[in-house]
């Protein structure tokens, strides 16, 4: 998305993804002042989303391994 849309990420940042949104919120962009609290909140939510996905993946792998053991 960054390659196709550039640094501005479309009109009103409509094609922004969490990684670029985190960077823009934490450090600021052009004339906007960064907000470290907002950046930390976005980073925390990204961590929780990834942690949830990893937990589901590990649970599914564990049940699959248990099924194939005698």
PDB file of N, CA and C in Angstrom:
ATOM      1  N   UNK A   1       0.839  -1.190   0.000  1.00  0.00           N
ATOM      2  CA  UNK A   1       0.000   0.000   0.000  1.00  0.00           C
ATOM      3  C   UNK A   1       0.877   1.243   0.000  1.00  0.00           C
ATOM      4  N   UNK A   2       1.952   1.226   0.782  1.00  0.00           N
ATOM      5  CA  UNK A   2       2.833   2.388   0.857  1.00  0.00           C
ATOM      6  C   UNK A   2       3.466   2.666  -0.498  1.00  0.00           C
ATOM      7  N   UNK A   3       3.825   1.612  -1.231  1.00  0.00           N
ATOM      8  CA  UNK A   3       4.440   1.788  -2.539  1.00  0.00           C
ATOM      9  C   UNK A   3       3.442   2.352  -3.537  1.00  0.00           C
ATOM     10  N   UNK A   4       2.214   1.893  -3.482  1.00  0.00           N
ATOM     11  CA  UNK A   4       1.210   2.344  -4.435  1.00  0.00           C
ATOM     12  C   UNK A   4       0.678   3.739  -4.120  1.00  0.00           C
ATOM     13  N   UNK A   5       0.450   4.051  -2.858  1.00  0.00           N
ATOM     14  CA  UNK A   5      -0.178   5.311  -2.480  1.00  0.00           C
ATOM     15  C   UNK A   5       0.812   6.384  -2.036  1.00  0.00           C
ATOM     16  N   UNK A   6       2.000   6.001  -1.635  1.00  0.00           N
ATOM     17  CA  UNK A   6       2.972   6.970  -1.143  1.00  0.00           C
ATOM     18  C   UNK A   6       2.803   7.202   0.346  1.00  0.00           C
ATOM     19  N   UNK A   7       3.476   8.224   0.831  1.00  0.00           N
ATOM     20  CA  UNK A   7       3.494   8.482   2.273  1.00  0.00           C
ATOM     21  C   UNK A   7       2.160   8.984   2.805  1.00  0.00           C
ATOM     22  N   UNK A   8       1.335   9.574   1.962  1.00  0.00           N
ATOM     23  CA  UNK A   8       0.069  10.136   2.443  1.00  0.00           C
ATOM     24  C   UNK A   8      -1.031   9.100   2.587  1.00  0.00           C
ATOM     25  N   UNK A   9      -0.874   7.943   2.000  1.00  0.00           N
ATOM     26  CA  UNK A   9      -1.815   6.823   2.144  1.00  0.00           C
ATOM     27  C   UNK A   9      -3.225   7.164   1.707  1.00  0.00           C
ATOM     28  N   UNK A  10      -3.358   7.713   0.529  1.00  0.00           N
ATOM     29  CA  UNK A  10      -4.672   7.973  -0.039  1.00  0.00           C
ATOM     30  C   UNK A  10      -5.366   9.173   0.569  1.00  0.00           C
ATOM     31  N   UNK A  11      -6.583   9.436   0.137  1.00  0.00           N
ATOM     32  CA  UNK A  11      -7.313  10.586   0.681  1.00  0.00           C
ATOM     33  C   UNK A  11      -7.694  10.363   2.143  1.00  0.00           C
ATOM     34  N   UNK A  12      -7.343  11.295   2.981  1.00  0.00           N
ATOM     35  CA  UNK A  12      -7.632  11.229   4.423  1.00  0.00           C
ATOM     36  C   UNK A  12      -7.126   9.939   5.058  1.00  0.00           C
ATOM     37  N   UNK A  13      -5.982   9.455   4.588  1.00  0.00           N
ATOM     38  CA  UNK A  13      -5.334   8.250   5.130  1.00  0.00           C
ATOM     39  C   UNK A  13      -6.249   7.026   5.071  1.00  0.00           C
ATOM     40  N   UNK A  14      -7.044   6.907   4.035  1.00  0.00           N
ATOM     41  CA  UNK A  14      -8.020   5.819   3.947  1.00  0.00           C
ATOM     42  C   UNK A  14      -7.373   4.453   3.720  1.00  0.00           C
ATOM     43  N   UNK A  15      -6.191   4.415   3.137  1.00  0.00           N
ATOM     44  CA  UNK A  15      -5.532   3.125   2.907  1.00  0.00           C
ATOM     45  C   UNK A  15      -4.401   2.884   3.896  1.00  0.00           C
ATOM     46  N   UNK A  16      -4.423   3.557   5.025  1.00  0.00           N
ATOM     47  CA  UNK A  16      -3.395   3.395   6.048  1.00  0.00           C
ATOM     48  C   UNK A  16      -3.509   2.018   6.697  1.00  0.00           C
ATOM     49  N   UNK A  17      -2.375   1.393   6.981  1.00  0.00           N
ATOM     50  CA  UNK A  17      -2.360   0.131   7.713  1.00  0.00           C
ATOM     51  C   UNK A  17      -1.834   0.410   9.118  1.00  0.00           C
ATOM     52  N   UNK A  18      -1.939  -0.577  10.012  1.00  0.00           N
ATOM     53  CA  UNK A  18      -1.600  -0.334  11.415  1.00  0.00           C
ATOM     54  C   UNK A  18      -0.151   0.090  11.613  1.00  0.00           C
ATOM     55  N   UNK A  19       0.764  -0.464  10.857  1.00  0.00           N
ATOM     56  CA  UNK A  19       2.172  -0.116  11.022  1.00  0.00           C
ATOM     57  C   UNK A  19       2.462   1.337  10.685  1.00  0.00           C
ATOM     58  N   UNK A  20       1.960   1.805   9.550  1.00  0.00           N
ATOM     59  CA  UNK A  20       2.190   3.203   9.176  1.00  0.00           C
ATOM     60  C   UNK A  20       1.363   4.143  10.042  1.00  0.00           C
ATOM     61  N   UNK A  21       0.189   3.700  10.462  1.00  0.00           N
ATOM     62  CA  UNK A  21      -0.621   4.523  11.365  1.00  0.00           C
ATOM     63  C   UNK A  21       0.076   4.691  12.712  1.00  0.00           C
ATOM     64  N   UNK A  22       0.691   3.618  13.200  1.00  0.00           N
ATOM     65  CA  UNK A  22       1.456   3.686  14.445  1.00  0.00           C
ATOM     66  C   UNK A  22       2.594   4.685  14.316  1.00  0.00           C
ATOM     67  N   UNK A  23       3.350   4.598  13.250  1.00  0.00           N
ATOM     68  CA  UNK A  23       4.486   5.502  13.047  1.00  0.00           C
ATOM     69  C   UNK A  23       4.020   6.950  12.946  1.00  0.00           C
ATOM     70  N   UNK A  24       2.967   7.185  12.166  1.00  0.00           N
ATOM     71  CA  UNK A  24       2.460   8.549  11.978  1.00  0.00           C
ATOM     72  C   UNK A  24       1.877   9.106  13.266  1.00  0.00           C
ATOM     73  N   UNK A  25       1.222   8.265  14.059  1.00  0.00           N
ATOM     74  CA  UNK A  25       0.644   8.746  15.315  1.00  0.00           C
ATOM     75  C   UNK A  25       1.730   9.016  16.356  1.00  0.00           C
ATOM     76  N   UNK A  26       2.747   8.171  16.421  1.00  0.00           N
ATOM     77  CA  UNK A  26       3.773   8.319  17.456  1.00  0.00           C
ATOM     78  C   UNK A  26       4.729   9.470  17.147  1.00  0.00           C
ATOM     79  N   UNK A  27       5.232   9.534  15.920  1.00  0.00           N
ATOM     80  CA  UNK A  27       6.240  10.527  15.576  1.00  0.00           C
ATOM     81  C   UNK A  27       5.669  11.776  14.916  1.00  0.00           C
ATOM     82  N   UNK A  28       4.440  11.722  14.445  1.00  0.00           N
ATOM     83  CA  UNK A  28       3.866  12.853  13.727  1.00  0.00           C
ATOM     84  C   UNK A  28       4.190  12.761  12.245  1.00  0.00           C
ATOM     85  N   UNK A  29       3.541  13.610  11.458  1.00  0.00           N
ATOM     86  CA  UNK A  29       3.736  13.589  10.017  1.00  0.00           C
ATOM     87  C   UNK A  29       3.581  15.000   9.492  1.00  0.00           C
ATOM     88  N   UNK A  30       4.544  15.474   8.746  1.00  0.00           N
ATOM     89  CA  UNK A  30       4.590  16.820   8.188  1.00  0.00           C
ATOM     90  C   UNK A  30       4.355  17.853   9.279  1.00  0.00           C
ATOM     91  N   UNK A  31       3.227  18.512   9.307  1.00  0.00           N
ATOM     92  CA  UNK A  31       2.979  19.560  10.291  1.00  0.00           C
ATOM     93  C   UNK A  31       2.255  19.057  11.531  1.00  0.00           C
ATOM     94  N   UNK A  32       1.856  17.788  11.541  1.00  0.00           N
ATOM     95  CA  UNK A  32       1.170  17.234  12.704  1.00  0.00           C
ATOM     96  C   UNK A  32       2.182  16.883  13.788  1.00  0.00           C
ATOM     97  N   UNK A  33       1.836  17.165  15.010  1.00  0.00           N
ATOM     98  CA  UNK A  33       2.688  16.817  16.144  1.00  0.00           C
ATOM     99  C   UNK A  33       2.373  15.388  16.564  1.00  0.00           C
ATOM    100  N   UNK A  34       3.397  14.605  16.849  1.00  0.00           N
ATOM    101  CA  UNK A  34       3.198  13.226  17.268  1.00  0.00           C
ATOM    102  C   UNK A  34       2.620  13.132  18.669  1.00  0.00           C
ATOM    103  N   UNK A  35       1.922  12.041  18.923  1.00  0.00           N
ATOM    104  CA  UNK A  35       1.333  11.787  20.237  1.00  0.00           C
ATOM    105  C   UNK A  35       1.831  10.428  20.726  1.00  0.00           C
ATOM    106  N   UNK A  36       2.840  10.412  21.607  1.00  0.00           N
ATOM    107  CA  UNK A  36       3.383   9.131  22.076  1.00  0.00           C
ATOM    108  C   UNK A  36       2.352   8.254  22.781  1.00  0.00           C
ATOM    109  N   UNK A  37       1.384   8.848  23.458  1.00  0.00           N
ATOM    110  CA  UNK A  37       0.360   8.045  24.133  1.00  0.00           C
ATOM    111  C   UNK A  37      -0.511   7.299  23.129  1.00  0.00           C
ATOM    112  N   UNK A  38      -0.883   7.967  22.051  1.00  0.00           N
ATOM    113  CA  UNK A  38      -1.679   7.314  21.008  1.00  0.00           C
ATOM    114  C   UNK A  38      -0.855   6.228  20.321  1.00  0.00           C
ATOM    115  N   UNK A  39       0.415   6.503  20.069  1.00  0.00           N
ATOM    116  CA  UNK A  39       1.287   5.502  19.467  1.00  0.00           C
ATOM    117  C   UNK A  39       1.441   4.280  20.348  1.00  0.00           C
ATOM    118  N   UNK A  40       1.574   4.497  21.656  1.00  0.00           N
ATOM    119  CA  UNK A  40       1.692   3.371  22.584  1.00  0.00           C
ATOM    120  C   UNK A  40       0.401   2.562  22.628  1.00  0.00           C
ATOM    121  N   UNK A  41      -0.732   3.226  22.554  1.00  0.00           N
ATOM    122  CA  UNK A  41      -2.016   2.514  22.549  1.00  0.00           C
ATOM    123  C   UNK A  41      -2.166   1.672  21.283  1.00  0.00           C
ATOM    124  N   UNK A  42      -1.765   2.218  20.147  1.00  0.00           N
ATOM    125  CA  UNK A  42      -1.842   1.468  18.891  1.00  0.00           C
ATOM    126  C   UNK A  42      -0.895   0.275  18.933  1.00  0.00           C
ATOM    127  N   UNK A  43       0.321   0.479  19.458  1.00  0.00           N
ATOM    128  CA  UNK A  43       1.285  -0.619  19.562  1.00  0.00           C
ATOM    129  C   UNK A  43       0.771  -1.712  20.489  1.00  0.00           C
ATOM    130  N   UNK A  44       0.113  -1.331  21.573  1.00  0.00           N
ATOM    131  CA  UNK A  44      -0.449  -2.318  22.494  1.00  0.00           C
ATOM    132  C   UNK A  44      -1.544  -3.129  21.817  1.00  0.00           C
ATOM    133  N   UNK A  45      -2.409  -2.472  21.069  1.00  0.00           N
ATOM    134  CA  UNK A  45      -3.473  -3.190  20.363  1.00  0.00           C
ATOM    135  C   UNK A  45      -2.899  -4.118  19.299  1.00  0.00           C
ATOM    136  N   UNK A  46      -1.865  -3.664  18.581  1.00  0.00           N
ATOM    137  CA  UNK A  46      -1.221  -4.531  17.600  1.00  0.00           C
ATOM    138  C   UNK A  46      -0.632  -5.764  18.282  1.00  0.00           C
ATOM    139  N   UNK A  47      -0.002  -5.571  19.441  1.00  0.00           N
ATOM    140  CA  UNK A  47       0.572  -6.692  20.187  1.00  0.00           C
ATOM    141  C   UNK A  47      -0.507  -7.675  20.606  1.00  0.00           C
ATOM    142  N   UNK A  48      -1.632  -7.172  21.103  1.00  0.00           N
ATOM    143  CA  UNK A  48      -2.709  -8.058  21.550  1.00  0.00           C
ATOM    144  C   UNK A  48      -3.331  -8.825  20.382  1.00  0.00           C
ATOM    145  N   UNK A  49      -3.471  -8.185  19.233  1.00  0.00           N
ATOM    146  CA  UNK A  49      -4.008  -8.866  18.051  1.00  0.00           C
ATOM    147  C   UNK A  49      -3.072  -9.989  17.620  1.00  0.00           C
ATOM    148  N   UNK A  50      -1.773  -9.699  17.564  1.00  0.00           N
ATOM    149  CA  UNK A  50      -0.798 -10.718  17.168  1.00  0.00           C
ATOM    150  C   UNK A  50      -0.733 -11.829  18.210  1.00  0.00           C
ATOM    151  N   UNK A  51      -0.766 -11.466  19.491  1.00  0.00           N
ATOM    152  CA  UNK A  51      -0.739 -12.465  20.561  1.00  0.00           C
ATOM    153  C   UNK A  51      -1.947 -13.389  20.476  1.00  0.00           C
ATOM    154  N   UNK A  52      -3.119 -12.843  20.198  1.00  0.00           N
ATOM    155  CA  UNK A  52      -4.316 -13.668  20.042  1.00  0.00           C
ATOM    156  C   UNK A  52      -4.188 -14.636  18.878  1.00  0.00           C
ATOM    157  N   UNK A  53      -3.662 -14.170  17.754  1.00  0.00           N
ATOM    158  CA  UNK A  53      -3.461 -15.044  16.601  1.00  0.00           C
ATOM    159  C   UNK A  53      -2.471 -16.151  16.875  1.00  0.00           C
ATOM    160  N   UNK A  54      -1.392 -15.821  17.566  1.00  0.00           N
ATOM    161  CA  UNK A  54      -0.387 -16.827  17.898  1.00  0.00           C
ATOM    162  C   UNK A  54      -0.957 -17.853  18.872  1.00  0.00           C
ATOM    163  N   UNK A  55      -1.745 -17.413  19.843  1.00  0.00           N
ATOM    164  CA  UNK A  55      -2.350 -18.352  20.801  1.00  0.00           C
ATOM    165  C   UNK A  55      -3.304 -19.318  20.107  1.00  0.00           C
ATOM    166  N   UNK A  56      -4.115 -18.811  19.198  1.00  0.00           N
ATOM    167  CA  UNK A  56      -5.026 -19.678  18.447  1.00  0.00           C
ATOM    168  C   UNK A  56      -4.232 -20.672  17.612  1.00  0.00           C
ATOM    169  N   UNK A  57      -3.189 -20.197  16.940  1.00  0.00           N
ATOM    170  CA  UNK A  57      -2.352 -21.076  16.127  1.00  0.00           C
ATOM    171  C   UNK A  57      -1.717 -22.170  16.976  1.00  0.00           C
ATOM    172  N   UNK A  58      -1.135 -21.808  18.105  1.00  0.00           N
ATOM    173  CA  UNK A  58      -0.493 -22.805  18.961  1.00  0.00           C
ATOM    174  C   UNK A  58      -1.503 -23.796  19.532  1.00  0.00           C
ATOM    175  N   UNK A  59      -2.706 -23.331  19.856  1.00  0.00           N
ATOM    176  CA  UNK A  59      -3.745 -24.232  20.343  1.00  0.00           C
ATOM    177  C   UNK A  59      -4.125 -25.245  19.268  1.00  0.00           C
ATOM    178  N   UNK A  60      -4.287 -24.780  18.035  1.00  0.00           N
ATOM    179  CA  UNK A  60      -4.650 -25.693  16.951  1.00  0.00           C
ATOM    180  C   UNK A  60      -3.536 -26.686  16.658  1.00  0.00           C
ATOM    181  N   UNK A  61      -2.301 -26.240  16.676  1.00  0.00           N
ATOM    182  CA  UNK A  61      -1.175 -27.148  16.448  1.00  0.00           C
ATOM    183  C   UNK A  61      -1.089 -28.188  17.562  1.00  0.00           C
ATOM    184  N   UNK A  62      -1.306 -27.756  18.803  1.00  0.00           N
ATOM    185  CA  UNK A  62      -1.232 -28.684  19.942  1.00  0.00           C
ATOM    186  C   UNK A  62      -2.323 -29.746  19.854  1.00  0.00           C
ATOM    187  N   UNK A  63      -3.542 -29.356  19.487  1.00  0.00           N
ATOM    188  CA  UNK A  63      -4.617 -30.349  19.365  1.00  0.00           C
ATOM    189  C   UNK A  63      -4.352 -31.296  18.203  1.00  0.00           C
ATOM    190  N   UNK A  64      -3.773 -30.792  17.132  1.00  0.00           N
ATOM    191  CA  UNK A  64      -3.463 -31.647  15.995  1.00  0.00           C
ATOM    192  C   UNK A  64      -2.373 -32.652  16.361  1.00  0.00           C
ATOM    193  N   UNK A  65      -1.368 -32.213  17.110  1.00  0.00           N
ATOM    194  CA  UNK A  65      -0.306 -33.132  17.530  1.00  0.00           C
ATOM    195  C   UNK A  65      -0.827 -34.164  18.517  1.00  0.00           C
ATOM    196  N   UNK A  66      -1.729 -33.778  19.389  1.00  0.00           N
ATOM    197  CA  UNK A  66      -2.307 -34.713  20.351  1.00  0.00           C
ATOM    198  C   UNK A  66      -3.140 -35.781  19.642  1.00  0.00           C
ATOM    199  N   UNK A  67      -3.805 -35.407  18.567  1.00  0.00           N
ATOM    200  CA  UNK A  67      -4.651 -36.334  17.841  1.00  0.00           C
ATOM    201  C   UNK A  67      -3.826 -37.428  17.159  1.00  0.00           C
ATOM    202  N   UNK A  68      -2.607 -37.103  16.685  1.00  0.00           N
ATOM    203  CA  UNK A  68      -1.799 -38.070  15.955  1.00  0.00           C
ATOM    204  C   UNK A  68      -0.926 -38.929  16.853  1.00  0.00           C
ATOM    205  N   UNK A  69      -0.856 -38.626  18.144  1.00  0.00           N
ATOM    206  CA  UNK A  69      -0.073 -39.468  19.046  1.00  0.00           C
ATOM    207  C   UNK A  69      -0.933 -40.636  19.509  1.00  0.00           C
ATOM    208  N   UNK A  70      -0.293 -41.735  19.844  1.00  0.00           N
ATOM    209  CA  UNK A  70      -1.055 -42.930  20.236  1.00  0.00           C
ATOM    210  C   UNK A  70      -1.468 -42.834  21.664  1.00  0.00           C
TER     211      UNK A  70
END
